[in-house]
Amino acid sequence: MELHPAYITDEGGKRIFAVLPIEEYAALLERLDDLEDLADARAIIERVRQGAEETIPWDAMKATHGL
């Protein structure tokens, strides 16, 4: 992903804010959300591997919900 930031600086020229086009900002938020979902999924998979979480077979879920 290529970003095109503009910077707001203080009186000394130190960058204190970055400004992005709204489309780039939205893409960053979406990517962050995807990475958080991936981290959550990996954590759940690890808990299943360790036996700390149980899985429910798909056929049982379908039967429970009338699918």
PDB file of N, CA and C in Angstrom:
ATOM      1  N   MET A   1       0.855  -1.168   0.000  1.00  0.00           N
ATOM      2  CA  MET A   1       0.000   0.000   0.000  1.00  0.00           C
ATOM      3  C   MET A   1       0.903   1.233   0.000  1.00  0.00           C
ATOM      4  N   GLU A   2       0.656   2.090  -0.934  1.00  0.00           N
ATOM      5  CA  GLU A   2       1.429   3.322  -1.015  1.00  0.00           C
ATOM      6  C   GLU A   2       0.643   4.460  -0.375  1.00  0.00           C
ATOM      7  N   LEU A   3       1.284   5.150   0.551  1.00  0.00           N
ATOM      8  CA  LEU A   3       0.642   6.263   1.243  1.00  0.00           C
ATOM      9  C   LEU A   3       1.222   7.585   0.755  1.00  0.00           C
ATOM     10  N   HIS A   4       0.384   8.606   0.814  1.00  0.00           N
ATOM     11  CA  HIS A   4       0.795   9.943   0.382  1.00  0.00           C
ATOM     12  C   HIS A   4       0.498  10.950   1.491  1.00  0.00           C
ATOM     13  N   PRO A   5       1.274  10.880   2.581  1.00  0.00           N
ATOM     14  CA  PRO A   5       0.995  11.771   3.701  1.00  0.00           C
ATOM     15  C   PRO A   5       1.495  13.196   3.446  1.00  0.00           C
ATOM     16  N   ALA A   6       0.822  14.104   4.077  1.00  0.00           N
ATOM     17  CA  ALA A   6       1.295  15.482   4.208  1.00  0.00           C
ATOM     18  C   ALA A   6       1.534  15.668   5.702  1.00  0.00           C
ATOM     19  N   TYR A   7       2.450  16.538   6.059  1.00  0.00           N
ATOM     20  CA  TYR A   7       2.795  16.687   7.469  1.00  0.00           C
ATOM     21  C   TYR A   7       2.514  18.099   7.955  1.00  0.00           C
ATOM     22  N   ILE A   8       2.102  18.157   9.202  1.00  0.00           N
ATOM     23  CA  ILE A   8       1.962  19.428   9.902  1.00  0.00           C
ATOM     24  C   ILE A   8       3.107  19.468  10.905  1.00  0.00           C
ATOM     25  N   THR A   9       3.823  20.557  10.910  1.00  0.00           N
ATOM     26  CA  THR A   9       5.001  20.668  11.766  1.00  0.00           C
ATOM     27  C   THR A   9       4.816  21.761  12.806  1.00  0.00           C
ATOM     28  N   ASP A  10       5.613  21.648  13.843  1.00  0.00           N
ATOM     29  CA  ASP A  10       5.623  22.718  14.840  1.00  0.00           C
ATOM     30  C   ASP A  10       6.544  23.840  14.357  1.00  0.00           C
ATOM     31  N   GLU A  11       6.731  24.831  15.200  1.00  0.00           N
ATOM     32  CA  GLU A  11       7.543  25.984  14.821  1.00  0.00           C
ATOM     33  C   GLU A  11       8.988  25.615  14.498  1.00  0.00           C
ATOM     34  N   GLY A  12       9.461  24.532  15.081  1.00  0.00           N
ATOM     35  CA  GLY A  12      10.827  24.088  14.854  1.00  0.00           C
ATOM     36  C   GLY A  12      10.983  23.145  13.668  1.00  0.00           C
ATOM     37  N   GLY A  13       9.893  22.848  12.991  1.00  0.00           N
ATOM     38  CA  GLY A  13       9.949  21.946  11.850  1.00  0.00           C
ATOM     39  C   GLY A  13       9.762  20.484  12.189  1.00  0.00           C
ATOM     40  N   LYS A  14       9.515  20.171  13.469  1.00  0.00           N
ATOM     41  CA  LYS A  14       9.298  18.784  13.874  1.00  0.00           C
ATOM     42  C   LYS A  14       7.901  18.360  13.447  1.00  0.00           C
ATOM     43  N   ARG A  15       7.816  17.199  12.813  1.00  0.00           N
ATOM     44  CA  ARG A  15       6.516  16.673  12.388  1.00  0.00           C
ATOM     45  C   ARG A  15       5.689  16.296  13.612  1.00  0.00           C
ATOM     46  N   ILE A  16       4.474  16.823  13.689  1.00  0.00           N
ATOM     47  CA  ILE A  16       3.612  16.516  14.828  1.00  0.00           C
ATOM     48  C   ILE A  16       2.298  15.859  14.405  1.00  0.00           C
ATOM     49  N   PHE A  17       1.919  15.985  13.136  1.00  0.00           N
ATOM     50  CA  PHE A  17       0.725  15.333  12.614  1.00  0.00           C
ATOM     51  C   PHE A  17       0.992  14.862  11.193  1.00  0.00           C
ATOM     52  N   ALA A  18       0.344  13.768  10.824  1.00  0.00           N
ATOM     53  CA  ALA A  18       0.364  13.309   9.434  1.00  0.00           C
ATOM     54  C   ALA A  18      -1.069  13.362   8.931  1.00  0.00           C
ATOM     55  N   VAL A  19      -1.243  13.849   7.719  1.00  0.00           N
ATOM     56  CA  VAL A  19      -2.559  13.958   7.105  1.00  0.00           C
ATOM     57  C   VAL A  19      -2.557  13.071   5.866  1.00  0.00           C
ATOM     58  N   LEU A  20      -3.573  12.217   5.764  1.00  0.00           N
ATOM     59  CA  LEU A  20      -3.688  11.304   4.626  1.00  0.00           C
ATOM     60  C   LEU A  20      -4.962  11.592   3.846  1.00  0.00           C
ATOM     61  N   PRO A  21      -4.953  11.287   2.548  1.00  0.00           N
ATOM     62  CA  PRO A  21      -6.214  11.315   1.818  1.00  0.00           C
ATOM     63  C   PRO A  21      -7.187  10.327   2.475  1.00  0.00           C
ATOM     64  N   ILE A  22      -8.450  10.658   2.496  1.00  0.00           N
ATOM     65  CA  ILE A  22      -9.441   9.853   3.217  1.00  0.00           C
ATOM     66  C   ILE A  22      -9.479   8.408   2.729  1.00  0.00           C
ATOM     67  N   GLU A  23      -9.260   8.196   1.435  1.00  0.00           N
ATOM     68  CA  GLU A  23      -9.267   6.830   0.907  1.00  0.00           C
ATOM     69  C   GLU A  23      -8.122   6.007   1.490  1.00  0.00           C
ATOM     70  N   GLU A  24      -6.958   6.623   1.644  1.00  0.00           N
ATOM     71  CA  GLU A  24      -5.823   5.920   2.226  1.00  0.00           C
ATOM     72  C   GLU A  24      -6.049   5.648   3.710  1.00  0.00           C
ATOM     73  N   TYR A  25      -6.629   6.610   4.397  1.00  0.00           N
ATOM     74  CA  TYR A  25      -6.951   6.435   5.816  1.00  0.00           C
ATOM     75  C   TYR A  25      -7.940   5.280   5.995  1.00  0.00           C
ATOM     76  N   ALA A  26      -8.984   5.246   5.163  1.00  0.00           N
ATOM     77  CA  ALA A  26      -9.982   4.173   5.241  1.00  0.00           C
ATOM     78  C   ALA A  26      -9.339   2.818   4.945  1.00  0.00           C
ATOM     79  N   ALA A  27      -8.441   2.773   3.970  1.00  0.00           N
ATOM     80  CA  ALA A  27      -7.755   1.523   3.644  1.00  0.00           C
ATOM     81  C   ALA A  27      -6.883   1.056   4.805  1.00  0.00           C
ATOM     82  N   LEU A  28      -6.229   1.993   5.487  1.00  0.00           N
ATOM     83  CA  LEU A  28      -5.426   1.631   6.660  1.00  0.00           C
ATOM     84  C   LEU A  28      -6.290   1.052   7.774  1.00  0.00           C
ATOM     85  N   LEU A  29      -7.435   1.682   8.010  1.00  0.00           N
ATOM     86  CA  LEU A  29      -8.336   1.167   9.043  1.00  0.00           C
ATOM     87  C   LEU A  29      -8.840  -0.229   8.691  1.00  0.00           C
ATOM     88  N   GLU A  30      -9.165  -0.452   7.434  1.00  0.00           N
ATOM     89  CA  GLU A  30      -9.637  -1.773   7.005  1.00  0.00           C
ATOM     90  C   GLU A  30      -8.536  -2.811   7.169  1.00  0.00           C
ATOM     91  N   ARG A  31      -7.333  -2.435   6.791  1.00  0.00           N
ATOM     92  CA  ARG A  31      -6.210  -3.370   6.937  1.00  0.00           C
ATOM     93  C   ARG A  31      -5.947  -3.684   8.405  1.00  0.00           C
ATOM     94  N   LEU A  32      -6.015  -2.689   9.253  1.00  0.00           N
ATOM     95  CA  LEU A  32      -5.835  -2.904  10.682  1.00  0.00           C
ATOM     96  C   LEU A  32      -6.897  -3.854  11.227  1.00  0.00           C
ATOM     97  N   ASP A  33      -8.138  -3.657  10.809  1.00  0.00           N
ATOM     98  CA  ASP A  33      -9.228  -4.528  11.235  1.00  0.00           C
ATOM     99  C   ASP A  33      -8.974  -5.964  10.773  1.00  0.00           C
ATOM    100  N   ASP A  34      -8.525  -6.131   9.534  1.00  0.00           N
ATOM    101  CA  ASP A  34      -8.217  -7.470   9.015  1.00  0.00           C
ATOM    102  C   ASP A  34      -7.096  -8.121   9.820  1.00  0.00           C
ATOM    103  N   LEU A  35      -6.061  -7.360  10.164  1.00  0.00           N
ATOM    104  CA  LEU A  35      -4.948  -7.908  10.941  1.00  0.00           C
ATOM    105  C   LEU A  35      -5.386  -8.292  12.353  1.00  0.00           C
ATOM    106  N   GLU A  36      -6.281  -7.510  12.945  1.00  0.00           N
ATOM    107  CA  GLU A  36      -6.811  -7.860  14.265  1.00  0.00           C
ATOM    108  C   GLU A  36      -7.637  -9.139  14.186  1.00  0.00           C
ATOM    109  N   ASP A  37      -8.441  -9.277  13.130  1.00  0.00           N
ATOM    110  CA  ASP A  37      -9.221 -10.511  12.941  1.00  0.00           C
ATOM    111  C   ASP A  37      -8.302 -11.712  12.767  1.00  0.00           C
ATOM    112  N   LEU A  38      -7.234 -11.542  12.003  1.00  0.00           N
ATOM    113  CA  LEU A  38      -6.278 -12.622  11.796  1.00  0.00           C
ATOM    114  C   LEU A  38      -5.615 -13.029  13.107  1.00  0.00           C
ATOM    115  N   ALA A  39      -5.225 -12.055  13.910  1.00  0.00           N
ATOM    116  CA  ALA A  39      -4.607 -12.361  15.209  1.00  0.00           C
ATOM    117  C   ALA A  39      -5.593 -13.103  16.114  1.00  0.00           C
ATOM    118  N   ASP A  40      -6.862 -12.681  16.105  1.00  0.00           N
ATOM    119  CA  ASP A  40      -7.880 -13.370  16.903  1.00  0.00           C
ATOM    120  C   ASP A  40      -8.057 -14.810  16.426  1.00  0.00           C
ATOM    121  N   ALA A  41      -8.109 -15.011  15.117  1.00  0.00           N
ATOM    122  CA  ALA A  41      -8.287 -16.356  14.563  1.00  0.00           C
ATOM    123  C   ALA A  41      -7.106 -17.254  14.935  1.00  0.00           C
ATOM    124  N   ARG A  42      -5.906 -16.709  14.816  1.00  0.00           N
ATOM    125  CA  ARG A  42      -4.721 -17.500  15.181  1.00  0.00           C
ATOM    126  C   ARG A  42      -4.732 -17.874  16.661  1.00  0.00           C
ATOM    127  N   ALA A  43      -5.175 -16.958  17.507  1.00  0.00           N
ATOM    128  CA  ALA A  43      -5.243 -17.249  18.941  1.00  0.00           C
ATOM    129  C   ALA A  43      -6.262 -18.351  19.223  1.00  0.00           C
ATOM    130  N   ILE A  44      -7.392 -18.310  18.540  1.00  0.00           N
ATOM    131  CA  ILE A  44      -8.407 -19.345  18.735  1.00  0.00           C
ATOM    132  C   ILE A  44      -7.900 -20.695  18.249  1.00  0.00           C
ATOM    133  N   ILE A  45      -7.255 -20.706  17.082  1.00  0.00           N
ATOM    134  CA  ILE A  45      -6.701 -21.959  16.565  1.00  0.00           C
ATOM    135  C   ILE A  45      -5.695 -22.539  17.546  1.00  0.00           C
ATOM    136  N   GLU A  46      -4.876 -21.701  18.126  1.00  0.00           N
ATOM    137  CA  GLU A  46      -3.890 -22.179  19.099  1.00  0.00           C
ATOM    138  C   GLU A  46      -4.579 -22.745  20.337  1.00  0.00           C
ATOM    139  N   ARG A  47      -5.644 -22.091  20.804  1.00  0.00           N
ATOM    140  CA  ARG A  47      -6.378 -22.625  21.963  1.00  0.00           C
ATOM    141  C   ARG A  47      -7.021 -23.968  21.636  1.00  0.00           C
ATOM    142  N   VAL A  48      -7.508 -24.142  20.415  1.00  0.00           N
ATOM    143  CA  VAL A  48      -8.072 -25.435  20.007  1.00  0.00           C
ATOM    144  C   VAL A  48      -6.973 -26.484  20.007  1.00  0.00           C
ATOM    145  N   ARG A  49      -5.813 -26.152  19.460  1.00  0.00           N
ATOM    146  CA  ARG A  49      -4.682 -27.097  19.436  1.00  0.00           C
ATOM    147  C   ARG A  49      -4.263 -27.515  20.836  1.00  0.00           C
ATOM    148  N   GLN A  50      -4.336 -26.581  21.776  1.00  0.00           N
ATOM    149  CA  GLN A  50      -3.934 -26.870  23.152  1.00  0.00           C
ATOM    150  C   GLN A  50      -5.028 -27.567  23.947  1.00  0.00           C
ATOM    151  N   GLY A  51      -6.213 -27.695  23.365  1.00  0.00           N
ATOM    152  CA  GLY A  51      -7.317 -28.342  24.054  1.00  0.00           C
ATOM    153  C   GLY A  51      -8.089 -27.416  24.974  1.00  0.00           C
ATOM    154  N   ALA A  52      -7.823 -26.127  24.910  1.00  0.00           N
ATOM    155  CA  ALA A  52      -8.506 -25.160  25.768  1.00  0.00           C
ATOM    156  C   ALA A  52      -9.844 -24.715  25.181  1.00  0.00           C
ATOM    157  N   GLU A  53     -10.077 -25.000  23.906  1.00  0.00           N
ATOM    158  CA  GLU A  53     -11.334 -24.670  23.233  1.00  0.00           C
ATOM    159  C   GLU A  53     -11.838 -25.918  22.535  1.00  0.00           C
ATOM    160  N   GLU A  54     -13.148 -26.045  22.463  1.00  0.00           N
ATOM    161  CA  GLU A  54     -13.744 -27.164  21.742  1.00  0.00           C
ATOM    162  C   GLU A  54     -14.360 -26.650  20.447  1.00  0.00           C
ATOM    163  N   THR A  55     -14.406 -27.524  19.474  1.00  0.00           N
ATOM    164  CA  THR A  55     -15.067 -27.177  18.227  1.00  0.00           C
ATOM    165  C   THR A  55     -16.399 -27.916  18.146  1.00  0.00           C
ATOM    166  N   ILE A  56     -17.289 -27.403  17.336  1.00  0.00           N
ATOM    167  CA  ILE A  56     -18.592 -28.032  17.123  1.00  0.00           C
ATOM    168  C   ILE A  56     -18.651 -28.451  15.658  1.00  0.00           C
ATOM    169  N   PRO A  57     -18.908 -29.718  15.379  1.00  0.00           N
ATOM    170  CA  PRO A  57     -18.978 -30.174  13.996  1.00  0.00           C
ATOM    171  C   PRO A  57     -20.046 -29.396  13.210  1.00  0.00           C
ATOM    172  N   TRP A  58     -19.772 -29.151  11.932  1.00  0.00           N
ATOM    173  CA  TRP A  58     -20.678 -28.396  11.078  1.00  0.00           C
ATOM    174  C   TRP A  58     -22.069 -29.038  11.023  1.00  0.00           C
ATOM    175  N   ASP A  59     -22.127 -30.358  10.916  1.00  0.00           N
ATOM    176  CA  ASP A  59     -23.429 -31.030  10.858  1.00  0.00           C
ATOM    177  C   ASP A  59     -24.237 -30.789  12.131  1.00  0.00           C
ATOM    178  N   ALA A  60     -23.576 -30.734  13.275  1.00  0.00           N
ATOM    179  CA  ALA A  60     -24.276 -30.459  14.526  1.00  0.00           C
ATOM    180  C   ALA A  60     -24.808 -29.029  14.542  1.00  0.00           C
ATOM    181  N   MET A  61     -24.037 -28.096  14.031  1.00  0.00           N
ATOM    182  CA  MET A  61     -24.490 -26.701  13.963  1.00  0.00           C
ATOM    183  C   MET A  61     -25.690 -26.553  13.034  1.00  0.00           C
ATOM    184  N   LYS A  62     -25.621 -27.233  11.897  1.00  0.00           N
ATOM    185  CA  LYS A  62     -26.738 -27.167  10.948  1.00  0.00           C
ATOM    186  C   LYS A  62     -28.001 -27.729  11.584  1.00  0.00           C
ATOM    187  N   ALA A  63     -27.872 -28.833  12.268  1.00  0.00           N
ATOM    188  CA  ALA A  63     -29.040 -29.456  12.908  1.00  0.00           C
ATOM    189  C   ALA A  63     -29.595 -28.556  14.003  1.00  0.00           C
ATOM    190  N   THR A  64     -28.732 -27.954  14.784  1.00  0.00           N
ATOM    191  CA  THR A  64     -29.161 -27.070  15.867  1.00  0.00           C
ATOM    192  C   THR A  64     -29.945 -25.883  15.332  1.00  0.00           C
ATOM    193  N   HIS A  65     -29.546 -25.369  14.189  1.00  0.00           N
ATOM    194  CA  HIS A  65     -30.167 -24.171  13.635  1.00  0.00           C
ATOM    195  C   HIS A  65     -31.122 -24.464  12.486  1.00  0.00           C
ATOM    196  N   GLY A  66     -31.434 -25.743  12.302  1.00  0.00           N
ATOM    197  CA  GLY A  66     -32.421 -26.111  11.291  1.00  0.00           C
ATOM    198  C   GLY A  66     -31.978 -25.839   9.866  1.00  0.00           C
ATOM    199  N   LEU A  67     -30.722 -25.987   9.596  1.00  0.00           N
ATOM    200  CA  LEU A  67     -30.216 -25.729   8.238  1.00  0.00           C
ATOM    201  C   LEU A  67     -30.086 -26.999   7.435  1.00  0.00           C
TER     202      LEU A  67
END
